[in-house]
Amino acid sequence: MYQDMKFVFTFIAISAICSGVAGQSDQFFNAIRNGNISGVSHLMDNRVEVSLIDDHSLYSKAQAVQKVNNWLTRTNPVSVQSLHGGESADQKSFYQVAKLTAAGGTYRIFVYFEKSNSSASIKKIQIDPF
């Protein structure tokens, strides 16, 4: 009986954490679709690697937001479709991949998160032609 209860509580705790971090990637992709990620900057680490097509650099959070927002303004997003994601074996990081359809073309968006406690922060944003 004790083992069963222990399993149930462990399952509930893991499910709550996973749904919380999955919600973070949903928030990010919704912001991308809306063409402005300023409202989800709290999801980003203090330093974020941003790769926009052929432009790759490490930026502060504020610079990363500005860089991605400028790009979104030029491409005019229409829709975002989540494609797939995965988690590292040690469950300390995960990624999500989505397809962005925009007036300026179709793009693959890769977002890499690192977890700490019950939250996760964006470490990398990569956008390439689809």
C-alpha atoms as a PDB file:
ATOM      1  CA  MET A   1       0.000   0.000   0.000  1.00  0.00           C
ATOM      2  CA  TYR A   2       2.789   2.427   0.934  1.00  0.00           C
ATOM      3  CA  GLN A   3       4.612   1.672  -2.337  1.00  0.00           C
ATOM      4  CA  ASP A   4       1.432   2.369  -4.324  1.00  0.00           C
ATOM      5  CA  MET A   5       0.910   5.727  -2.607  1.00  0.00           C
ATOM      6  CA  LYS A   6       4.559   6.622  -3.113  1.00  0.00           C
ATOM      7  CA  PHE A   7       4.240   5.839  -6.830  1.00  0.00           C
ATOM      8  CA  VAL A   8       1.054   7.912  -7.164  1.00  0.00           C
ATOM      9  CA  PHE A   9       2.602  10.960  -5.441  1.00  0.00           C
ATOM     10  CA  THR A  10       5.761  10.675  -7.545  1.00  0.00           C
ATOM     11  CA  PHE A  11       3.685  10.437 -10.719  1.00  0.00           C
ATOM     12  CA  ILE A  12       1.612  13.493  -9.756  1.00  0.00           C
ATOM     13  CA  ALA A  13       4.738  15.530  -8.962  1.00  0.00           C
ATOM     14  CA  ILE A  14       6.431  14.628 -12.245  1.00  0.00           C
ATOM     15  CA  SER A  15       3.244  15.334 -14.216  1.00  0.00           C
ATOM     16  CA  ALA A  16       2.914  18.775 -12.621  1.00  0.00           C
ATOM     17  CA  ILE A  17       6.511  19.667 -13.443  1.00  0.00           C
ATOM     18  CA  CYS A  18       6.228  18.420 -17.032  1.00  0.00           C
ATOM     19  CA  SER A  19       2.993  20.278 -17.673  1.00  0.00           C
ATOM     20  CA  GLY A  20       4.557  23.449 -16.262  1.00  0.00           C
ATOM     21  CA  VAL A  21       7.604  23.342 -18.512  1.00  0.00           C
ATOM     22  CA  ALA A  22       5.542  22.264 -21.530  1.00  0.00           C
ATOM     23  CA  GLY A  23       3.360  25.309 -20.902  1.00  0.00           C
ATOM     24  CA  GLN A  24       6.449  27.489 -21.148  1.00  0.00           C
ATOM     25  CA  SER A  25       7.162  26.363 -24.710  1.00  0.00           C
ATOM     26  CA  ASP A  26       3.478  26.922 -25.596  1.00  0.00           C
ATOM     27  CA  GLN A  27       3.717  30.473 -24.230  1.00  0.00           C
ATOM     28  CA  PHE A  28       6.833  31.099 -26.295  1.00  0.00           C
ATOM     29  CA  PHE A  29       5.324  29.791 -29.547  1.00  0.00           C
ATOM     30  CA  ASN A  30       2.129  31.801 -28.993  1.00  0.00           C
ATOM     31  CA  ALA A  31       4.277  34.918 -28.599  1.00  0.00           C
ATOM     32  CA  ILE A  32       6.097  34.049 -31.848  1.00  0.00           C
ATOM     33  CA  ARG A  33       2.753  33.686 -33.642  1.00  0.00           C
ATOM     34  CA  ASN A  34       1.693  37.081 -32.273  1.00  0.00           C
ATOM     35  CA  GLY A  35       4.923  38.619 -33.571  1.00  0.00           C
ATOM     36  CA  ASN A  36       6.301  39.850 -30.245  1.00  0.00           C
ATOM     37  CA  ILE A  37       8.229  37.853 -27.629  1.00  0.00           C
ATOM     38  CA  SER A  38       8.665  40.724 -25.141  1.00  0.00           C
ATOM     39  CA  GLY A  39       5.885  39.315 -22.955  1.00  0.00           C
ATOM     40  CA  VAL A  40       7.711  36.006 -22.504  1.00  0.00           C
ATOM     41  CA  SER A  41      11.181  37.389 -21.837  1.00  0.00           C
ATOM     42  CA  HIS A  42      10.819  36.040 -18.284  1.00  0.00           C
ATOM     43  CA  LEU A  43      11.193  32.563 -19.836  1.00  0.00           C
ATOM     44  CA  MET A  44      14.665  33.425 -21.133  1.00  0.00           C
ATOM     45  CA  ASP A  45      18.008  32.953 -19.443  1.00  0.00           C
ATOM     46  CA  ASN A  46      20.173  36.042 -18.858  1.00  0.00           C
ATOM     47  CA  ARG A  47      22.294  35.012 -21.880  1.00  0.00           C
ATOM     48  CA  VAL A  48      20.585  33.473 -24.925  1.00  0.00           C
ATOM     49  CA  GLU A  49      22.132  32.035 -28.059  1.00  0.00           C
ATOM     50  CA  VAL A  50      20.141  33.324 -31.019  1.00  0.00           C
ATOM     51  CA  SER A  51      20.550  31.927 -34.517  1.00  0.00           C
ATOM     52  CA  LEU A  52      18.489  33.686 -37.187  1.00  0.00           C
ATOM     53  CA  ILE A  53      19.158  32.057 -40.554  1.00  0.00           C
ATOM     54  CA  ASP A  54      22.908  32.799 -40.946  1.00  0.00           C
ATOM     55  CA  ASP A  55      23.345  35.229 -38.040  1.00  0.00           C
ATOM     56  CA  HIS A  56      24.528  33.439 -34.868  1.00  0.00           C
ATOM     57  CA  SER A  57      25.472  35.160 -31.596  1.00  0.00           C
ATOM     58  CA  LEU A  58      25.153  35.067 -27.824  1.00  0.00           C
ATOM     59  CA  TYR A  59      23.013  37.944 -26.532  1.00  0.00           C
ATOM     60  CA  SER A  60      21.754  39.350 -23.277  1.00  0.00           C
ATOM     61  CA  LYS A  61      18.070  38.667 -22.646  1.00  0.00           C
ATOM     62  CA  ALA A  62      17.086  42.187 -23.760  1.00  0.00           C
ATOM     63  CA  GLN A  63      19.219  41.991 -26.912  1.00  0.00           C
ATOM     64  CA  ALA A  64      17.802  38.554 -27.772  1.00  0.00           C
ATOM     65  CA  VAL A  65      14.237  39.827 -27.431  1.00  0.00           C
ATOM     66  CA  GLN A  66      15.022  42.827 -29.639  1.00  0.00           C
ATOM     67  CA  LYS A  67      16.796  40.684 -32.260  1.00  0.00           C
ATOM     68  CA  VAL A  68      13.916  38.160 -32.529  1.00  0.00           C
ATOM     69  CA  ASN A  69      11.221  40.862 -32.452  1.00  0.00           C
ATOM     70  CA  ASN A  70      12.945  42.779 -35.273  1.00  0.00           C
ATOM     71  CA  TRP A  71      13.047  39.586 -37.328  1.00  0.00           C
ATOM     72  CA  LEU A  72       9.387  38.809 -36.579  1.00  0.00           C
ATOM     73  CA  THR A  73       8.386  42.317 -37.691  1.00  0.00           C
ATOM     74  CA  ARG A  74      10.087  41.736 -41.046  1.00  0.00           C
ATOM     75  CA  THR A  75       8.600  38.264 -41.599  1.00  0.00           C
ATOM     76  CA  ASN A  76       5.018  38.921 -40.410  1.00  0.00           C
ATOM     77  CA  PRO A  77       4.018  35.614 -38.696  1.00  0.00           C
ATOM     78  CA  VAL A  78       0.732  33.980 -39.659  1.00  0.00           C
ATOM     79  CA  SER A  79       0.721  30.668 -37.756  1.00  0.00           C
ATOM     80  CA  VAL A  80       2.887  28.377 -35.626  1.00  0.00           C
ATOM     81  CA  GLN A  81       2.504  24.606 -35.579  1.00  0.00           C
ATOM     82  CA  SER A  82       4.298  22.590 -32.910  1.00  0.00           C
ATOM     83  CA  LEU A  83       6.055  19.641 -34.567  1.00  0.00           C
ATOM     84  CA  HIS A  84       7.905  17.703 -31.884  1.00  0.00           C
ATOM     85  CA  GLY A  85      10.097  17.932 -28.826  1.00  0.00           C
ATOM     86  CA  GLY A  86      12.215  15.877 -26.533  1.00  0.00           C
ATOM     87  CA  GLU A  87      13.904  15.716 -23.180  1.00  0.00           C
ATOM     88  CA  SER A  88      17.457  14.845 -22.191  1.00  0.00           C
ATOM     89  CA  ALA A  89      18.084  11.516 -20.455  1.00  0.00           C
ATOM     90  CA  ASP A  90      18.898  13.297 -17.183  1.00  0.00           C
ATOM     91  CA  GLN A  91      15.687  15.390 -17.540  1.00  0.00           C
ATOM     92  CA  LYS A  92      17.621  18.630 -17.035  1.00  0.00           C
ATOM     93  CA  SER A  93      16.842  20.054 -20.468  1.00  0.00           C
ATOM     94  CA  PHE A  94      14.339  19.778 -23.278  1.00  0.00           C
ATOM     95  CA  TYR A  95      13.654  21.206 -26.709  1.00  0.00           C
ATOM     96  CA  GLN A  96      10.679  22.028 -28.866  1.00  0.00           C
ATOM     97  CA  VAL A  97      10.496  22.391 -32.638  1.00  0.00           C
ATOM     98  CA  ALA A  98       7.756  24.267 -34.480  1.00  0.00           C
ATOM     99  CA  LYS A  99       6.920  25.339 -38.003  1.00  0.00           C
ATOM    100  CA  LEU A 100       6.331  29.062 -38.478  1.00  0.00           C
ATOM    101  CA  THR A 101       4.316  30.124 -41.498  1.00  0.00           C
ATOM    102  CA  ALA A 102       4.821  33.806 -42.263  1.00  0.00           C
ATOM    103  CA  ALA A 103       4.263  36.238 -45.097  1.00  0.00           C
ATOM    104  CA  GLY A 104       8.042  36.159 -45.553  1.00  0.00           C
ATOM    105  CA  GLY A 105       8.247  32.358 -45.875  1.00  0.00           C
ATOM    106  CA  THR A 106       8.134  29.156 -43.825  1.00  0.00           C
ATOM    107  CA  TYR A 107      10.619  28.571 -41.013  1.00  0.00           C
ATOM    108  CA  ARG A 108      11.693  25.917 -38.530  1.00  0.00           C
ATOM    109  CA  ILE A 109      11.964  27.192 -34.955  1.00  0.00           C
ATOM    110  CA  PHE A 110      14.077  25.258 -32.465  1.00  0.00           C
ATOM    111  CA  VAL A 111      13.960  26.315 -28.803  1.00  0.00           C
ATOM    112  CA  TYR A 112      16.227  24.768 -26.174  1.00  0.00           C
ATOM    113  CA  PHE A 113      15.340  24.982 -22.462  1.00  0.00           C
ATOM    114  CA  GLU A 114      17.334  24.093 -19.364  1.00  0.00           C
ATOM    115  CA  LYS A 115      15.439  23.167 -16.214  1.00  0.00           C
ATOM    116  CA  SER A 116      16.088  24.203 -12.651  1.00  0.00           C
ATOM    117  CA  ASN A 117      13.655  23.142  -9.944  1.00  0.00           C
ATOM    118  CA  SER A 118      10.125  23.462 -11.353  1.00  0.00           C
ATOM    119  CA  SER A 119      10.865  26.004 -14.077  1.00  0.00           C
ATOM    120  CA  ALA A 120      12.899  26.148 -17.248  1.00  0.00           C
ATOM    121  CA  SER A 121      14.687  28.919 -19.080  1.00  0.00           C
ATOM    122  CA  ILE A 122      15.373  29.378 -22.775  1.00  0.00           C
ATOM    123  CA  LYS A 123      19.058  29.023 -23.603  1.00  0.00           C
ATOM    124  CA  LYS A 124      18.841  28.895 -27.406  1.00  0.00           C
ATOM    125  CA  ILE A 125      16.501  30.090 -30.153  1.00  0.00           C
ATOM    126  CA  GLN A 126      17.277  28.916 -33.668  1.00  0.00           C
ATOM    127  CA  ILE A 127      15.276  29.902 -36.738  1.00  0.00           C
ATOM    128  CA  ASP A 128      16.029  28.413 -40.162  1.00  0.00           C
ATOM    129  CA  PRO A 129      14.187  28.192 -43.483  1.00  0.00           C
ATOM    130  CA  PHE A 130      11.879  25.176 -43.468  1.00  0.00           C
END
